Amino acid sequence: MAAQTILTSFSLVFALAVLWMCICTLNYMTPSTPLLHRLSFILLGVGAASMLIAPLYFDTFPTVGGVTLAGGTALLLTTERLYAMKFRRRYRRRADDPQRAWWE
């Protein structure tokens, strides 16, 4: 019983993180965002929402593989967003300097 409770709590935390990142990413998209990119984040958010709802309404417990997949997805979305912000910040600083060429 304790293992199921721990798996359920980790699953809920990871699913909430994935759902939050999907909502933030979808709000950041523009109309020129490719349809498949938008659809992938919608499906990822729906899957995270179903992971949140399943233990509460259907009395099902997540598997170790499901929790690992949700944790990996949450970590990937979080680190990818942080890396993209760092990458943009580095090259924006270079683009603001008119004396520097873009390849330097």
N, C-alpha and C. Protein backbone atom coordinates (compact mmCIF):
# COMPACT_ATOMS: atom_id res chain seq x y z
N MET A 1 0.82 -1.19 0.00
CA MET A 1 0.00 0.00 0.00
C MET A 1 0.86 1.26 0.00
N ALA A 2 1.98 1.25 0.70
CA ALA A 2 2.83 2.43 0.76
C ALA A 2 3.47 2.71 -0.60
N ALA A 3 3.84 1.66 -1.32
CA ALA A 3 4.45 1.86 -2.64
C ALA A 3 3.45 2.47 -3.61
N GLN A 4 2.20 2.06 -3.53
CA GLN A 4 1.18 2.63 -4.40
C GLN A 4 0.94 4.11 -4.09
N THR A 5 0.98 4.45 -2.82
CA THR A 5 0.79 5.85 -2.43
C THR A 5 1.96 6.72 -2.91
N ILE A 6 3.16 6.20 -2.78
CA ILE A 6 4.34 6.94 -3.24
C ILE A 6 4.30 7.11 -4.76
N LEU A 7 3.98 6.04 -5.48
CA LEU A 7 3.89 6.13 -6.94
C LEU A 7 2.80 7.10 -7.36
N THR A 8 1.67 7.07 -6.67
CA THR A 8 0.57 7.97 -7.02
C THR A 8 0.95 9.42 -6.77
N SER A 9 1.63 9.69 -5.66
CA SER A 9 2.00 11.07 -5.36
C SER A 9 3.05 11.58 -6.36
N PHE A 10 4.04 10.76 -6.69
CA PHE A 10 5.01 11.16 -7.71
C PHE A 10 4.34 11.37 -9.06
N SER A 11 3.41 10.49 -9.40
CA SER A 11 2.70 10.61 -10.66
C SER A 11 1.91 11.91 -10.72
N LEU A 12 1.25 12.27 -9.64
CA LEU A 12 0.47 13.51 -9.62
C LEU A 12 1.37 14.74 -9.75
N VAL A 13 2.51 14.72 -9.07
CA VAL A 13 3.43 15.87 -9.14
C VAL A 13 4.01 15.99 -10.55
N PHE A 14 4.45 14.88 -11.13
CA PHE A 14 5.02 14.92 -12.47
C PHE A 14 3.97 15.32 -13.51
N ALA A 15 2.77 14.77 -13.38
CA ALA A 15 1.71 15.11 -14.34
C ALA A 15 1.32 16.57 -14.23
N LEU A 16 1.31 17.11 -13.02
CA LEU A 16 1.02 18.53 -12.85
C LEU A 16 2.10 19.40 -13.48
N ALA A 17 3.36 18.99 -13.34
CA ALA A 17 4.46 19.75 -13.96
C ALA A 17 4.37 19.70 -15.48
N VAL A 18 4.08 18.53 -16.03
CA VAL A 18 3.96 18.40 -17.49
C VAL A 18 2.77 19.22 -17.99
N LEU A 19 1.65 19.16 -17.29
CA LEU A 19 0.48 19.91 -17.70
C LEU A 19 0.75 21.41 -17.65
N TRP A 20 1.43 21.88 -16.62
CA TRP A 20 1.76 23.29 -16.51
C TRP A 20 2.68 23.75 -17.65
N MET A 21 3.70 22.94 -17.95
CA MET A 21 4.61 23.31 -19.03
C MET A 21 3.90 23.29 -20.39
N CYS A 22 2.98 22.36 -20.58
CA CYS A 22 2.22 22.32 -21.84
C CYS A 22 1.33 23.55 -21.98
N ILE A 23 0.67 23.94 -20.91
CA ILE A 23 -0.19 25.12 -20.96
C ILE A 23 0.65 26.36 -21.24
N CYS A 24 1.78 26.49 -20.57
CA CYS A 24 2.64 27.65 -20.80
C CYS A 24 3.17 27.67 -22.23
N THR A 25 3.55 26.53 -22.75
CA THR A 25 4.07 26.46 -24.12
C THR A 25 2.98 26.77 -25.14
N LEU A 26 1.78 26.25 -24.92
CA LEU A 26 0.69 26.53 -25.85
C LEU A 26 0.30 28.01 -25.83
N ASN A 27 0.37 28.64 -24.68
CA ASN A 27 0.08 30.07 -24.61
C ASN A 27 1.16 30.90 -25.29
N TYR A 28 2.36 30.40 -25.37
CA TYR A 28 3.48 31.12 -25.97
C TYR A 28 3.49 31.00 -27.50
N MET A 29 2.76 30.01 -28.05
CA MET A 29 2.78 29.78 -29.49
C MET A 29 2.06 30.88 -30.25
N THR A 30 2.49 31.06 -31.48
CA THR A 30 1.88 32.04 -32.37
C THR A 30 1.06 31.30 -33.43
N PRO A 31 0.26 32.03 -34.20
CA PRO A 31 -0.49 31.36 -35.27
C PRO A 31 0.40 30.73 -36.34
N SER A 32 1.65 31.13 -36.42
CA SER A 32 2.53 30.54 -37.43
C SER A 32 3.24 29.28 -36.93
N THR A 33 2.92 28.83 -35.71
CA THR A 33 3.50 27.60 -35.19
C THR A 33 2.98 26.42 -36.00
N PRO A 34 3.84 25.49 -36.40
CA PRO A 34 3.37 24.33 -37.17
C PRO A 34 2.30 23.53 -36.43
N LEU A 35 1.37 23.00 -37.20
CA LEU A 35 0.23 22.28 -36.61
C LEU A 35 0.67 21.05 -35.83
N LEU A 36 1.65 20.31 -36.33
CA LEU A 36 2.08 19.10 -35.63
C LEU A 36 2.74 19.43 -34.30
N HIS A 37 3.47 20.53 -34.25
CA HIS A 37 4.08 20.96 -32.98
C HIS A 37 3.00 21.32 -31.97
N ARG A 38 2.00 22.05 -32.42
CA ARG A 38 0.89 22.43 -31.55
C ARG A 38 0.09 21.20 -31.10
N LEU A 39 -0.15 20.28 -32.03
CA LEU A 39 -0.91 19.07 -31.71
C LEU A 39 -0.16 18.18 -30.73
N SER A 40 1.16 18.12 -30.84
CA SER A 40 1.93 17.29 -29.92
C SER A 40 1.83 17.81 -28.49
N PHE A 41 1.86 19.12 -28.30
CA PHE A 41 1.73 19.66 -26.96
C PHE A 41 0.30 19.53 -26.44
N ILE A 42 -0.69 19.59 -27.30
CA ILE A 42 -2.07 19.38 -26.87
C ILE A 42 -2.25 17.95 -26.39
N LEU A 43 -1.75 16.99 -27.16
CA LEU A 43 -1.87 15.58 -26.77
C LEU A 43 -1.08 15.28 -25.50
N LEU A 44 0.08 15.90 -25.35
CA LEU A 44 0.87 15.72 -24.14
C LEU A 44 0.13 16.28 -22.93
N GLY A 45 -0.51 17.41 -23.09
CA GLY A 45 -1.30 17.99 -22.00
C GLY A 45 -2.52 17.16 -21.66
N VAL A 46 -3.18 16.60 -22.66
CA VAL A 46 -4.33 15.73 -22.40
C VAL A 46 -3.89 14.47 -21.68
N GLY A 47 -2.74 13.91 -22.06
CA GLY A 47 -2.22 12.74 -21.36
C GLY A 47 -1.87 13.04 -19.92
N ALA A 48 -1.30 14.22 -19.67
CA ALA A 48 -0.96 14.61 -18.30
C ALA A 48 -2.23 14.83 -17.48
N ALA A 49 -3.24 15.41 -18.10
CA ALA A 49 -4.50 15.61 -17.39
C ALA A 49 -5.16 14.27 -17.06
N SER A 50 -5.04 13.31 -17.96
CA SER A 50 -5.61 11.99 -17.67
C SER A 50 -4.83 11.27 -16.55
N MET A 51 -3.52 11.54 -16.46
CA MET A 51 -2.75 10.98 -15.35
C MET A 51 -3.17 11.61 -14.02
N LEU A 52 -3.60 12.86 -14.05
CA LEU A 52 -4.10 13.51 -12.84
C LEU A 52 -5.46 12.97 -12.42
N ILE A 53 -6.31 12.69 -13.40
CA ILE A 53 -7.69 12.28 -13.11
C ILE A 53 -7.80 10.80 -12.78
N ALA A 54 -7.01 9.95 -13.39
CA ALA A 54 -7.17 8.49 -13.27
C ALA A 54 -7.13 7.98 -11.83
N PRO A 55 -6.18 8.37 -10.98
CA PRO A 55 -6.20 7.82 -9.62
C PRO A 55 -7.39 8.30 -8.79
N LEU A 56 -7.92 9.46 -9.12
CA LEU A 56 -9.01 10.02 -8.32
C LEU A 56 -10.37 9.44 -8.70
N TYR A 57 -10.62 9.22 -9.99
CA TYR A 57 -11.93 8.79 -10.43
C TYR A 57 -12.04 7.30 -10.75
N PHE A 58 -10.97 6.71 -11.23
CA PHE A 58 -11.05 5.33 -11.69
C PHE A 58 -10.39 4.34 -10.76
N ASP A 59 -9.84 4.79 -9.65
CA ASP A 59 -9.15 3.94 -8.67
C ASP A 59 -8.08 3.06 -9.31
N THR A 60 -7.35 3.63 -10.24
CA THR A 60 -6.23 2.91 -10.83
C THR A 60 -4.94 3.49 -10.29
N PHE A 61 -3.93 2.68 -10.17
CA PHE A 61 -2.65 3.13 -9.66
C PHE A 61 -1.65 3.15 -10.80
N PRO A 62 -0.79 4.16 -10.84
CA PRO A 62 0.19 4.24 -11.92
C PRO A 62 1.25 3.16 -11.79
N THR A 63 1.80 2.78 -12.92
CA THR A 63 2.88 1.80 -12.92
C THR A 63 4.21 2.54 -12.77
N VAL A 64 5.24 1.78 -12.50
CA VAL A 64 6.58 2.37 -12.39
C VAL A 64 7.00 2.98 -13.72
N GLY A 65 6.67 2.31 -14.81
CA GLY A 65 7.00 2.84 -16.13
C GLY A 65 6.28 4.13 -16.44
N GLY A 66 5.02 4.24 -16.05
CA GLY A 66 4.27 5.47 -16.27
C GLY A 66 4.81 6.63 -15.47
N VAL A 67 5.20 6.37 -14.24
CA VAL A 67 5.78 7.42 -13.40
C VAL A 67 7.14 7.85 -13.95
N THR A 68 7.92 6.89 -14.39
CA THR A 68 9.23 7.21 -14.98
C THR A 68 9.06 8.02 -16.25
N LEU A 69 8.10 7.65 -17.08
CA LEU A 69 7.84 8.38 -18.32
C LEU A 69 7.38 9.82 -18.02
N ALA A 70 6.50 9.97 -17.06
CA ALA A 70 6.04 11.32 -16.69
C ALA A 70 7.17 12.15 -16.10
N GLY A 71 8.01 11.54 -15.28
CA GLY A 71 9.14 12.26 -14.70
C GLY A 71 10.15 12.67 -15.75
N GLY A 72 10.43 11.80 -16.69
CA GLY A 72 11.35 12.13 -17.77
C GLY A 72 10.80 13.22 -18.67
N THR A 73 9.51 13.17 -18.94
CA THR A 73 8.89 14.20 -19.76
C THR A 73 8.92 15.55 -19.05
N ALA A 74 8.62 15.56 -17.75
CA ALA A 74 8.67 16.81 -16.98
C ALA A 74 10.08 17.38 -16.96
N LEU A 75 11.06 16.51 -16.76
CA LEU A 75 12.45 16.97 -16.76
C LEU A 75 12.88 17.49 -18.12
N LEU A 76 12.47 16.81 -19.18
CA LEU A 76 12.81 17.24 -20.54
C LEU A 76 12.19 18.59 -20.86
N LEU A 77 10.93 18.77 -20.54
CA LEU A 77 10.28 20.05 -20.84
C LEU A 77 10.89 21.19 -20.03
N THR A 78 11.23 20.93 -18.78
CA THR A 78 11.80 21.98 -17.94
C THR A 78 13.20 22.36 -18.40
N THR A 79 14.05 21.38 -18.63
CA THR A 79 15.42 21.70 -19.01
C THR A 79 15.50 22.25 -20.43
N GLU A 80 14.62 21.81 -21.31
CA GLU A 80 14.62 22.33 -22.67
C GLU A 80 14.24 23.80 -22.67
N ARG A 81 13.29 24.16 -21.85
CA ARG A 81 12.86 25.56 -21.76
C ARG A 81 13.97 26.42 -21.17
N LEU A 82 14.65 25.92 -20.15
CA LEU A 82 15.73 26.68 -19.54
C LEU A 82 16.91 26.83 -20.50
N TYR A 83 17.23 25.78 -21.25
CA TYR A 83 18.31 25.85 -22.22
C TYR A 83 17.98 26.82 -23.34
N ALA A 84 16.72 26.80 -23.79
CA ALA A 84 16.32 27.71 -24.87
C ALA A 84 16.40 29.16 -24.42
N MET A 85 16.03 29.43 -23.18
CA MET A 85 16.13 30.80 -22.68
C MET A 85 17.59 31.24 -22.57
N LYS A 86 18.47 30.35 -22.13
CA LYS A 86 19.90 30.67 -22.03
C LYS A 86 20.48 30.88 -23.42
N PHE A 87 20.10 30.06 -24.38
CA PHE A 87 20.60 30.16 -25.75
C PHE A 87 20.16 31.48 -26.37
N ARG A 88 18.89 31.85 -26.20
CA ARG A 88 18.39 33.09 -26.75
C ARG A 88 19.06 34.29 -26.11
N ARG A 89 19.29 34.23 -24.81
CA ARG A 89 19.90 35.35 -24.11
C ARG A 89 21.33 35.56 -24.61
N ARG A 90 22.07 34.48 -24.84
CA ARG A 90 23.46 34.58 -25.29
C ARG A 90 23.54 35.23 -26.67
N TYR A 91 22.70 34.80 -27.61
CA TYR A 91 22.78 35.32 -28.97
C TYR A 91 22.08 36.65 -29.14
N ARG A 92 21.14 36.98 -28.28
CA ARG A 92 20.55 38.29 -28.34
C ARG A 92 21.57 39.34 -27.92
N ARG A 93 22.40 39.05 -26.94
CA ARG A 93 23.43 39.96 -26.49
C ARG A 93 24.42 40.23 -27.62
N ARG A 94 24.76 39.21 -28.38
CA ARG A 94 25.69 39.39 -29.49
C ARG A 94 25.05 40.19 -30.62
N ALA A 95 23.76 39.99 -30.84
CA ALA A 95 23.10 40.69 -31.94
C ALA A 95 22.94 42.17 -31.63
N ASP A 96 22.88 42.55 -30.36
CA ASP A 96 22.73 43.96 -30.00
C ASP A 96 24.00 44.75 -30.22
N ASP A 97 25.14 44.09 -30.26
CA ASP A 97 26.42 44.77 -30.42
C ASP A 97 26.70 44.97 -31.91
N PRO A 98 26.67 46.21 -32.43
CA PRO A 98 26.85 46.39 -33.88
C PRO A 98 28.28 46.17 -34.34
N GLN A 99 29.26 46.21 -33.43
CA GLN A 99 30.65 46.01 -33.82
C GLN A 99 31.01 44.55 -34.02
N ARG A 100 30.20 43.65 -33.52
CA ARG A 100 30.51 42.24 -33.57
C ARG A 100 29.78 41.55 -34.72
N ALA A 101 30.47 40.70 -35.39
CA ALA A 101 29.82 39.91 -36.43
C ALA A 101 29.06 38.76 -35.78
N TRP A 102 28.09 38.21 -36.47
CA TRP A 102 27.25 37.16 -35.88
C TRP A 102 28.01 35.87 -35.66
N TRP A 103 29.11 35.63 -36.39
CA TRP A 103 29.85 34.37 -36.24
C TRP A 103 30.88 34.41 -35.14
N GLU A 104 31.11 35.55 -34.52
CA GLU A 104 32.13 35.65 -33.47
C GLU A 104 31.60 35.14 -32.16
